[in-house]
């Protein structure tokens, strides 16, 4: 026998969750049931959201990757702080 749970959530949250579940090839109810089963068994909740940079930071990271691949804007390695400071002073 099954029971029905009604929850309120933001429509965008529901759509994103349904899309993610579909990409995994399962209905959202299967995912919710798995989480409820885990919660009932372990009595713990783990929240983890991968960190994603904002658009500006993502653009800067992409540019830095491109520079690295092409050997641009790369400083050499230094054995001591004096050499690093001397390098910085000679740069335009």
PDB file of N, CA and C in Angstrom:
ATOM      1  N   UNK A   1       0.847  -1.181   0.000  1.00  0.00           N
ATOM      2  CA  UNK A   1       0.000   0.000   0.000  1.00  0.00           C
ATOM      3  C   UNK A   1       0.892   1.244   0.000  1.00  0.00           C
ATOM      4  N   UNK A   2       0.508   2.237  -0.721  1.00  0.00           N
ATOM      5  CA  UNK A   2       1.250   3.501  -0.819  1.00  0.00           C
ATOM      6  C   UNK A   2       0.468   4.605  -0.130  1.00  0.00           C
ATOM      7  N   UNK A   3       1.196   5.669   0.243  1.00  0.00           N
ATOM      8  CA  UNK A   3       0.553   6.837   0.840  1.00  0.00           C
ATOM      9  C   UNK A   3       0.966   8.059   0.033  1.00  0.00           C
ATOM     10  N   UNK A   4       0.228   9.122   0.175  1.00  0.00           N
ATOM     11  CA  UNK A   4       0.473  10.334  -0.587  1.00  0.00           C
ATOM     12  C   UNK A   4       1.007  11.416   0.343  1.00  0.00           C
ATOM     13  N   UNK A   5       2.080  12.087  -0.079  1.00  0.00           N
ATOM     14  CA  UNK A   5       2.641  13.216   0.664  1.00  0.00           C
ATOM     15  C   UNK A   5       2.508  14.448  -0.222  1.00  0.00           C
ATOM     16  N   UNK A   6       1.935  15.502   0.307  1.00  0.00           N
ATOM     17  CA  UNK A   6       1.849  16.764  -0.417  1.00  0.00           C
ATOM     18  C   UNK A   6       2.880  17.721   0.167  1.00  0.00           C
ATOM     19  N   UNK A   7       3.680  18.303  -0.688  1.00  0.00           N
ATOM     20  CA  UNK A   7       4.648  19.293  -0.237  1.00  0.00           C
ATOM     21  C   UNK A   7       4.523  20.531  -1.105  1.00  0.00           C
ATOM     22  N   UNK A   8       4.919  21.651  -0.552  1.00  0.00           N
ATOM     23  CA  UNK A   8       4.944  22.894  -1.314  1.00  0.00           C
ATOM     24  C   UNK A   8       6.388  23.205  -1.650  1.00  0.00           C
ATOM     25  N   UNK A   9       6.606  23.527  -2.911  1.00  0.00           N
ATOM     26  CA  UNK A   9       7.946  23.895  -3.350  1.00  0.00           C
ATOM     27  C   UNK A   9       7.831  24.905  -4.475  1.00  0.00           C
ATOM     28  N   UNK A  10       8.900  25.602  -4.701  1.00  0.00           N
ATOM     29  CA  UNK A  10       8.953  26.573  -5.784  1.00  0.00           C
ATOM     30  C   UNK A  10       8.824  25.826  -7.113  1.00  0.00           C
ATOM     31  N   UNK A  11       8.014  26.336  -8.045  1.00  0.00           N
ATOM     32  CA  UNK A  11       7.852  25.654  -9.342  1.00  0.00           C
ATOM     33  C   UNK A  11       9.177  25.412 -10.076  1.00  0.00           C
ATOM     34  N   UNK A  12      10.109  26.369  -9.972  1.00  0.00           N
ATOM     35  CA  UNK A  12      11.418  26.179 -10.628  1.00  0.00           C
ATOM     36  C   UNK A  12      12.178  25.020 -10.016  1.00  0.00           C
ATOM     37  N   UNK A  13      12.098  24.891  -8.701  1.00  0.00           N
ATOM     38  CA  UNK A  13      12.773  23.789  -8.011  1.00  0.00           C
ATOM     39  C   UNK A  13      12.205  22.464  -8.507  1.00  0.00           C
ATOM     40  N   UNK A  14      10.892  22.388  -8.609  1.00  0.00           N
ATOM     41  CA  UNK A  14      10.246  21.161  -9.077  1.00  0.00           C
ATOM     42  C   UNK A  14      10.658  20.841 -10.514  1.00  0.00           C
ATOM     43  N   UNK A  15      10.644  21.837 -11.388  1.00  0.00           N
ATOM     44  CA  UNK A  15      11.009  21.601 -12.791  1.00  0.00           C
ATOM     45  C   UNK A  15      12.460  21.123 -12.915  1.00  0.00           C
ATOM     46  N   UNK A  16      13.379  21.783 -12.168  1.00  0.00           N
ATOM     47  CA  UNK A  16      14.786  21.368 -12.217  1.00  0.00           C
ATOM     48  C   UNK A  16      14.952  19.942 -11.709  1.00  0.00           C
ATOM     49  N   UNK A  17      14.255  19.614 -10.629  1.00  0.00           N
ATOM     50  CA  UNK A  17      14.347  18.271 -10.059  1.00  0.00           C
ATOM     51  C   UNK A  17      13.775  17.233 -11.025  1.00  0.00           C
ATOM     52  N   UNK A  18      12.648  17.552 -11.655  1.00  0.00           N
ATOM     53  CA  UNK A  18      12.063  16.628 -12.624  1.00  0.00           C
ATOM     54  C   UNK A  18      12.998  16.425 -13.814  1.00  0.00           C
ATOM     55  N   UNK A  19      13.612  17.495 -14.265  1.00  0.00           N
ATOM     56  CA  UNK A  19      14.537  17.410 -15.395  1.00  0.00           C
ATOM     57  C   UNK A  19      15.746  16.544 -15.031  1.00  0.00           C
ATOM     58  N   UNK A  20      16.284  16.743 -13.833  1.00  0.00           N
ATOM     59  CA  UNK A  20      17.437  15.957 -13.387  1.00  0.00           C
ATOM     60  C   UNK A  20      17.053  14.484 -13.245  1.00  0.00           C
ATOM     61  N   UNK A  21      15.881  14.223 -12.685  1.00  0.00           N
ATOM     62  CA  UNK A  21      15.425  12.841 -12.529  1.00  0.00           C
ATOM     63  C   UNK A  21      15.239  12.181 -13.892  1.00  0.00           C
ATOM     64  N   UNK A  22      14.663  12.916 -14.822  1.00  0.00           N
ATOM     65  CA  UNK A  22      14.450  12.384 -16.168  1.00  0.00           C
ATOM     66  C   UNK A  22      15.786  12.059 -16.837  1.00  0.00           C
ATOM     67  N   UNK A  23      16.775  12.921 -16.627  1.00  0.00           N
ATOM     68  CA  UNK A  23      18.106  12.680 -17.195  1.00  0.00           C
ATOM     69  C   UNK A  23      18.713  11.392 -16.628  1.00  0.00           C
ATOM     70  N   UNK A  24      18.346  11.047 -15.400  1.00  0.00           N
ATOM     71  CA  UNK A  24      18.813   9.797 -14.793  1.00  0.00           C
ATOM     72  C   UNK A  24      17.938   8.604 -15.176  1.00  0.00           C
ATOM     73  N   UNK A  25      16.843   8.890 -15.891  1.00  0.00           N
ATOM     74  CA  UNK A  25      15.962   7.821 -16.366  1.00  0.00           C
ATOM     75  C   UNK A  25      14.989   7.307 -15.315  1.00  0.00           C
ATOM     76  N   UNK A  26      14.618   8.161 -14.379  1.00  0.00           N
ATOM     77  CA  UNK A  26      13.665   7.725 -13.357  1.00  0.00           C
ATOM     78  C   UNK A  26      12.720   8.860 -12.998  1.00  0.00           C
ATOM     79  N   UNK A  27      11.546   8.498 -12.477  1.00  0.00           N
ATOM     80  CA  UNK A  27      10.617   9.543 -12.056  1.00  0.00           C
ATOM     81  C   UNK A  27      11.092  10.223 -10.778  1.00  0.00           C
ATOM     82  N   UNK A  28      10.657  11.450 -10.590  1.00  0.00           N
ATOM     83  CA  UNK A  28      11.035  12.216  -9.409  1.00  0.00           C
ATOM     84  C   UNK A  28      10.580  11.508  -8.131  1.00  0.00           C
ATOM     85  N   UNK A  29       9.448  10.832  -8.169  1.00  0.00           N
ATOM     86  CA  UNK A  29       8.956  10.140  -6.972  1.00  0.00           C
ATOM     87  C   UNK A  29       9.938   9.066  -6.498  1.00  0.00           C
ATOM     88  N   UNK A  30      10.642   8.417  -7.412  1.00  0.00           N
ATOM     89  CA  UNK A  30      11.645   7.417  -7.032  1.00  0.00           C
ATOM     90  C   UNK A  30      12.777   8.064  -6.250  1.00  0.00           C
ATOM     91  N   UNK A  31      13.201   9.248  -6.702  1.00  0.00           N
ATOM     92  CA  UNK A  31      14.284   9.962  -6.022  1.00  0.00           C
ATOM     93  C   UNK A  31      13.825  10.417  -4.641  1.00  0.00           C
ATOM     94  N   UNK A  32      12.626  10.981  -4.564  1.00  0.00           N
ATOM     95  CA  UNK A  32      12.096  11.440  -3.279  1.00  0.00           C
ATOM     96  C   UNK A  32      11.978  10.257  -2.316  1.00  0.00           C
ATOM     97  N   UNK A  33      11.479   9.120  -2.801  1.00  0.00           N
ATOM     98  CA  UNK A  33      11.356   7.936  -1.948  1.00  0.00           C
ATOM     99  C   UNK A  33      12.717   7.442  -1.473  1.00  0.00           C
ATOM    100  N   UNK A  34      13.720   7.495  -2.333  1.00  0.00           N
ATOM    101  CA  UNK A  34      15.070   7.078  -1.932  1.00  0.00           C
ATOM    102  C   UNK A  34      15.594   7.982  -0.821  1.00  0.00           C
ATOM    103  N   UNK A  35      15.394   9.285  -0.970  1.00  0.00           N
ATOM    104  CA  UNK A  35      15.846  10.222   0.069  1.00  0.00           C
ATOM    105  C   UNK A  35      15.077  10.014   1.373  1.00  0.00           C
ATOM    106  N   UNK A  36      13.774   9.804   1.285  1.00  0.00           N
ATOM    107  CA  UNK A  36      12.982   9.565   2.494  1.00  0.00           C
ATOM    108  C   UNK A  36      13.414   8.269   3.188  1.00  0.00           C
ATOM    109  N   UNK A  37      13.690   7.243   2.398  1.00  0.00           N
ATOM    110  CA  UNK A  37      14.160   5.972   2.961  1.00  0.00           C
ATOM    111  C   UNK A  37      15.488   6.165   3.675  1.00  0.00           C
ATOM    112  N   UNK A  38      16.403   6.868   3.027  1.00  0.00           N
ATOM    113  CA  UNK A  38      17.716   7.130   3.625  1.00  0.00           C
ATOM    114  C   UNK A  38      17.566   7.960   4.905  1.00  0.00           C
ATOM    115  N   UNK A  39      16.738   8.976   4.864  1.00  0.00           N
ATOM    116  CA  UNK A  39      16.519   9.824   6.038  1.00  0.00           C
ATOM    117  C   UNK A  39      15.935   9.014   7.196  1.00  0.00           C
ATOM    118  N   UNK A  40      14.948   8.169   6.907  1.00  0.00           N
ATOM    119  CA  UNK A  40      14.348   7.342   7.953  1.00  0.00           C
ATOM    120  C   UNK A  40      15.343   6.359   8.553  1.00  0.00           C
ATOM    121  N   UNK A  41      16.220   5.829   7.712  1.00  0.00           N
ATOM    122  CA  UNK A  41      17.202   4.856   8.183  1.00  0.00           C
ATOM    123  C   UNK A  41      18.325   5.517   8.974  1.00  0.00           C
ATOM    124  N   UNK A  42      18.881   6.602   8.439  1.00  0.00           N
ATOM    125  CA  UNK A  42      20.069   7.229   9.036  1.00  0.00           C
ATOM    126  C   UNK A  42      19.738   8.385   9.982  1.00  0.00           C
ATOM    127  N   UNK A  43      18.565   8.939   9.848  1.00  0.00           N
ATOM    128  CA  UNK A  43      18.134  10.084  10.639  1.00  0.00           C
ATOM    129  C   UNK A  43      19.145  11.226  10.565  1.00  0.00           C
ATOM    130  N   UNK A  44      19.650  11.421   9.373  1.00  0.00           N
ATOM    131  CA  UNK A  44      20.595  12.509   9.084  1.00  0.00           C
ATOM    132  C   UNK A  44      20.213  13.155   7.768  1.00  0.00           C
ATOM    133  N   UNK A  45      20.530  14.429   7.665  1.00  0.00           N
ATOM    134  CA  UNK A  45      20.308  15.154   6.420  1.00  0.00           C
ATOM    135  C   UNK A  45      21.639  15.754   5.991  1.00  0.00           C
ATOM    136  N   UNK A  46      21.997  15.545   4.748  1.00  0.00           N
ATOM    137  CA  UNK A  46      23.229  16.105   4.198  1.00  0.00           C
ATOM    138  C   UNK A  46      22.864  17.038   3.045  1.00  0.00           C
ATOM    139  N   UNK A  47      23.256  18.267   3.170  1.00  0.00           N
ATOM    140  CA  UNK A  47      23.041  19.225   2.097  1.00  0.00           C
ATOM    141  C   UNK A  47      24.376  19.515   1.447  1.00  0.00           C
ATOM    142  N   UNK A  48      24.421  19.382   0.162  1.00  0.00           N
ATOM    143  CA  UNK A  48      25.634  19.773  -0.544  1.00  0.00           C
ATOM    144  C   UNK A  48      25.237  20.362  -1.887  1.00  0.00           C
ATOM    145  N   UNK A  49      25.729  21.530  -2.124  1.00  0.00           N
ATOM    146  CA  UNK A  49      25.477  22.212  -3.380  1.00  0.00           C
ATOM    147  C   UNK A  49      26.838  22.542  -3.972  1.00  0.00           C
ATOM    148  N   UNK A  50      27.120  22.017  -5.157  1.00  0.00           N
ATOM    149  CA  UNK A  50      28.424  22.326  -5.742  1.00  0.00           C
ATOM    150  C   UNK A  50      28.570  23.822  -5.967  1.00  0.00           C
ATOM    151  N   UNK A  51      29.728  24.333  -5.660  1.00  0.00           N
ATOM    152  CA  UNK A  51      29.972  25.749  -5.867  1.00  0.00           C
ATOM    153  C   UNK A  51      30.108  26.036  -7.353  1.00  0.00           C
ATOM    154  N   UNK A  52      29.385  27.030  -7.811  1.00  0.00           N
ATOM    155  CA  UNK A  52      29.452  27.447  -9.207  1.00  0.00           C
ATOM    156  C   UNK A  52      29.751  28.936  -9.230  1.00  0.00           C
ATOM    157  N   UNK A  53      30.743  29.313 -10.009  1.00  0.00           N
ATOM    158  CA  UNK A  53      31.061  30.739 -10.073  1.00  0.00           C
ATOM    159  C   UNK A  53      29.976  31.517 -10.803  1.00  0.00           C
ATOM    160  N   UNK A  54      29.859  32.807 -10.462  1.00  0.00           N
ATOM    161  CA  UNK A  54      28.924  33.644 -11.203  1.00  0.00           C
ATOM    162  C   UNK A  54      29.475  33.874 -12.614  1.00  0.00           C
ATOM    163  N   UNK A  55      28.697  34.536 -13.464  1.00  0.00           N
ATOM    164  CA  UNK A  55      29.092  34.695 -14.871  1.00  0.00           C
ATOM    165  C   UNK A  55      30.426  35.426 -15.022  1.00  0.00           C
ATOM    166  N   UNK A  56      30.611  36.479 -14.229  1.00  0.00           N
ATOM    167  CA  UNK A  56      31.842  37.265 -14.335  1.00  0.00           C
ATOM    168  C   UNK A  56      33.061  36.414 -13.959  1.00  0.00           C
ATOM    169  N   UNK A  57      32.951  35.693 -12.848  1.00  0.00           N
ATOM    170  CA  UNK A  57      34.061  34.853 -12.400  1.00  0.00           C
ATOM    171  C   UNK A  57      34.300  33.705 -13.379  1.00  0.00           C
ATOM    172  N   UNK A  58      33.232  33.108 -13.905  1.00  0.00           N
ATOM    173  CA  UNK A  58      33.375  32.024 -14.878  1.00  0.00           C
ATOM    174  C   UNK A  58      34.112  32.519 -16.123  1.00  0.00           C
ATOM    175  N   UNK A  59      33.788  33.734 -16.551  1.00  0.00           N
ATOM    176  CA  UNK A  59      34.457  34.311 -17.719  1.00  0.00           C
ATOM    177  C   UNK A  59      35.950  34.513 -17.440  1.00  0.00           C
ATOM    178  N   UNK A  60      36.269  35.017 -16.245  1.00  0.00           N
ATOM    179  CA  UNK A  60      37.673  35.207 -15.867  1.00  0.00           C
ATOM    180  C   UNK A  60      38.415  33.879 -15.787  1.00  0.00           C
ATOM    181  N   UNK A  61      37.770  32.850 -15.249  1.00  0.00           N
ATOM    182  CA  UNK A  61      38.393  31.531 -15.165  1.00  0.00           C
ATOM    183  C   UNK A  61      38.637  30.945 -16.552  1.00  0.00           C
ATOM    184  N   UNK A  62      37.664  31.113 -17.446  1.00  0.00           N
ATOM    185  CA  UNK A  62      37.834  30.640 -18.829  1.00  0.00           C
ATOM    186  C   UNK A  62      39.004  31.343 -19.501  1.00  0.00           C
ATOM    187  N   UNK A  63      39.114  32.647 -19.295  1.00  0.00           N
ATOM    188  CA  UNK A  63      40.218  33.414 -19.883  1.00  0.00           C
ATOM    189  C   UNK A  63      41.554  32.954 -19.305  1.00  0.00           C
ATOM    190  N   UNK A  64      41.592  32.715 -18.005  1.00  0.00           N
ATOM    191  CA  UNK A  64      42.829  32.247 -17.368  1.00  0.00           C
ATOM    192  C   UNK A  64      43.234  30.882 -17.912  1.00  0.00           C
ATOM    193  N   UNK A  65      42.249  29.983 -18.108  1.00  0.00           N
ATOM    194  CA  UNK A  65      42.538  28.666 -18.693  1.00  0.00           C
ATOM    195  C   UNK A  65      43.116  28.814 -20.090  1.00  0.00           C
ATOM    196  N   UNK A  66      42.500  29.676 -20.873  1.00  0.00           N
ATOM    197  CA  UNK A  66      42.967  29.909 -22.248  1.00  0.00           C
ATOM    198  C   UNK A  66      44.380  30.485 -22.233  1.00  0.00           C
ATOM    199  N   UNK A  67      44.633  31.448 -21.358  1.00  0.00           N
ATOM    200  CA  UNK A  67      45.978  32.015 -21.237  1.00  0.00           C
ATOM    201  C   UNK A  67      46.990  30.932 -20.871  1.00  0.00           C
ATOM    202  N   UNK A  68      46.633  30.073 -19.934  1.00  0.00           N
ATOM    203  CA  UNK A  68      47.546  29.009 -19.496  1.00  0.00           C
ATOM    204  C   UNK A  68      47.867  28.059 -20.651  1.00  0.00           C
ATOM    205  N   UNK A  69      46.836  27.662 -21.389  1.00  0.00           N
ATOM    206  CA  UNK A  69      47.029  26.743 -22.521  1.00  0.00           C
ATOM    207  C   UNK A  69      47.964  27.354 -23.564  1.00  0.00           C
ATOM    208  N   UNK A  70      47.860  28.670 -23.762  1.00  0.00           N
ATOM    209  CA  UNK A  70      48.676  29.347 -24.770  1.00  0.00           C
ATOM    210  C   UNK A  70      49.951  29.962 -24.190  1.00  0.00           C
ATOM    211  N   UNK A  71      50.218  29.711 -22.916  1.00  0.00           N
ATOM    212  CA  UNK A  71      51.450  30.186 -22.290  1.00  0.00           C
ATOM    213  C   UNK A  71      51.513  31.686 -22.083  1.00  0.00           C
ATOM    214  N   UNK A  72      50.352  32.314 -21.960  1.00  0.00           N
ATOM    215  CA  UNK A  72      50.302  33.760 -21.734  1.00  0.00           C
ATOM    216  C   UNK A  72      50.091  34.061 -20.265  1.00  0.00           C
ATOM    217  N   UNK A  73      50.637  35.190 -19.818  1.00  0.00           N
ATOM    218  CA  UNK A  73      50.422  35.683 -18.452  1.00  0.00           C
ATOM    219  C   UNK A  73      50.794  34.650 -17.388  1.00  0.00           C
ATOM    220  N   UNK A  74      51.889  33.957 -17.613  1.00  0.00           N
ATOM    221  CA  UNK A  74      52.349  32.932 -16.679  1.00  0.00           C
ATOM    222  C   UNK A  74      53.680  33.385 -16.101  1.00  0.00           C
ATOM    223  N   UNK A  75      53.781  33.406 -14.789  1.00  0.00           N
ATOM    224  CA  UNK A  75      55.059  33.771 -14.172  1.00  0.00           C
ATOM    225  C   UNK A  75      55.854  32.492 -13.905  1.00  0.00           C
ATOM    226  N   UNK A  76      57.171  32.614 -13.818  1.00  0.00           N
ATOM    227  CA  UNK A  76      57.971  31.432 -13.486  1.00  0.00           C
ATOM    228  C   UNK A  76      57.840  31.085 -12.005  1.00  0.00           C
ATOM    229  N   UNK A  77      58.351  29.915 -11.637  1.00  0.00           N
ATOM    230  CA  UNK A  77      58.391  29.525 -10.231  1.00  0.00           C
ATOM    231  C   UNK A  77      59.595  30.184  -9.574  1.00  0.00           C
ATOM    232  N   UNK A  78      59.474  30.487  -8.301  1.00  0.00           N
ATOM    233  CA  UNK A  78      60.557  31.149  -7.576  1.00  0.00           C
ATOM    234  C   UNK A  78      60.961  30.321  -6.373  1.00  0.00           C
ATOM    235  N   UNK A  79      62.250  30.391  -6.048  1.00  0.00           N
ATOM    236  CA  UNK A  79      62.770  29.688  -4.870  1.00  0.00           C
ATOM    237  C   UNK A  79      62.679  30.543  -3.613  1.00  0.00           C
ATOM    238  N   UNK A  80      62.552  31.864  -3.807  1.00  0.00           N
ATOM    239  CA  UNK A  80      62.505  32.739  -2.641  1.00  0.00           C
ATOM    240  C   UNK A  80      61.712  33.999  -2.974  1.00  0.00           C
ATOM    241  N   UNK A  81      61.331  34.716  -1.950  1.00  0.00           N
ATOM    242  CA  UNK A  81      60.498  35.909  -2.109  1.00  0.00           C
ATOM    243  C   UNK A  81      61.240  37.040  -2.806  1.00  0.00           C
ATOM    244  N   UNK A  82      62.530  37.161  -2.555  1.00  0.00           N
ATOM    245  CA  UNK A  82      63.291  38.245  -3.189  1.00  0.00           C
ATOM    246  C   UNK A  82      63.252  38.138  -4.711  1.00  0.00           C
ATOM    247  N   UNK A  83      63.409  36.937  -5.241  1.00  0.00           N
ATOM    248  CA  UNK A  83      63.349  36.748  -6.690  1.00  0.00           C
ATOM    249  C   UNK A  83      61.953  37.063  -7.233  1.00  0.00           C
ATOM    250  N   UNK A  84      60.932  36.676  -6.488  1.00  0.00           N
ATOM    251  CA  UNK A  84      59.560  36.959  -6.916  1.00  0.00           C
ATOM    252  C   UNK A  84      59.311  38.465  -6.949  1.00  0.00           C
ATOM    253  N   UNK A  85      59.764  39.173  -5.937  1.00  0.00           N
ATOM    254  CA  UNK A  85      59.573  40.627  -5.876  1.00  0.00           C
ATOM    255  C   UNK A  85      60.358  41.306  -6.996  1.00  0.00           C
ATOM    256  N   UNK A  86      61.574  40.843  -7.266  1.00  0.00           N
ATOM    257  CA  UNK A  86      62.380  41.407  -8.355  1.00  0.00           C
ATOM    258  C   UNK A  86      61.668  41.192  -9.685  1.00  0.00           C
ATOM    259  N   UNK A  87      61.064  40.038  -9.869  1.00  0.00           N
ATOM    260  CA  UNK A  87      60.324  39.742 -11.105  1.00  0.00           C
ATOM    261  C   UNK A  87      59.152  40.704 -11.249  1.00  0.00           C
ATOM    262  N   UNK A  88      58.428  40.940 -10.166  1.00  0.00           N
ATOM    263  CA  UNK A  88      57.275  41.837 -10.215  1.00  0.00           C
ATOM    264  C   UNK A  88      57.701  43.273 -10.546  1.00  0.00           C
ATOM    265  N   UNK A  89      58.852  43.703 -10.059  1.00  0.00           N
ATOM    266  CA  UNK A  89      59.326  45.061 -10.320  1.00  0.00           C
ATOM    267  C   UNK A  89      59.797  45.252 -11.757  1.00  0.00           C
ATOM    268  N   UNK A  90      60.208  44.201 -12.415  1.00  0.00           N
ATOM    269  CA  UNK A  90      60.672  44.338 -13.787  1.00  0.00           C
ATOM    270  C   UNK A  90      59.526  44.287 -14.807  1.00  0.00           C
ATOM    271  N   UNK A  91      58.342  43.874 -14.365  1.00  0.00           N
ATOM    272  CA  UNK A  91      57.198  43.784 -15.279  1.00  0.00           C
ATOM    273  C   UNK A  91      56.637  45.185 -15.562  1.00  0.00           C
ATOM    274  N   UNK A  92      56.180  45.435 -16.801  1.00  0.00           N
ATOM    275  CA  UNK A  92      55.609  46.756 -17.130  1.00  0.00           C
ATOM    276  C   UNK A  92      54.313  47.046 -16.430  1.00  0.00           C
TER     277      UNK A  92
END
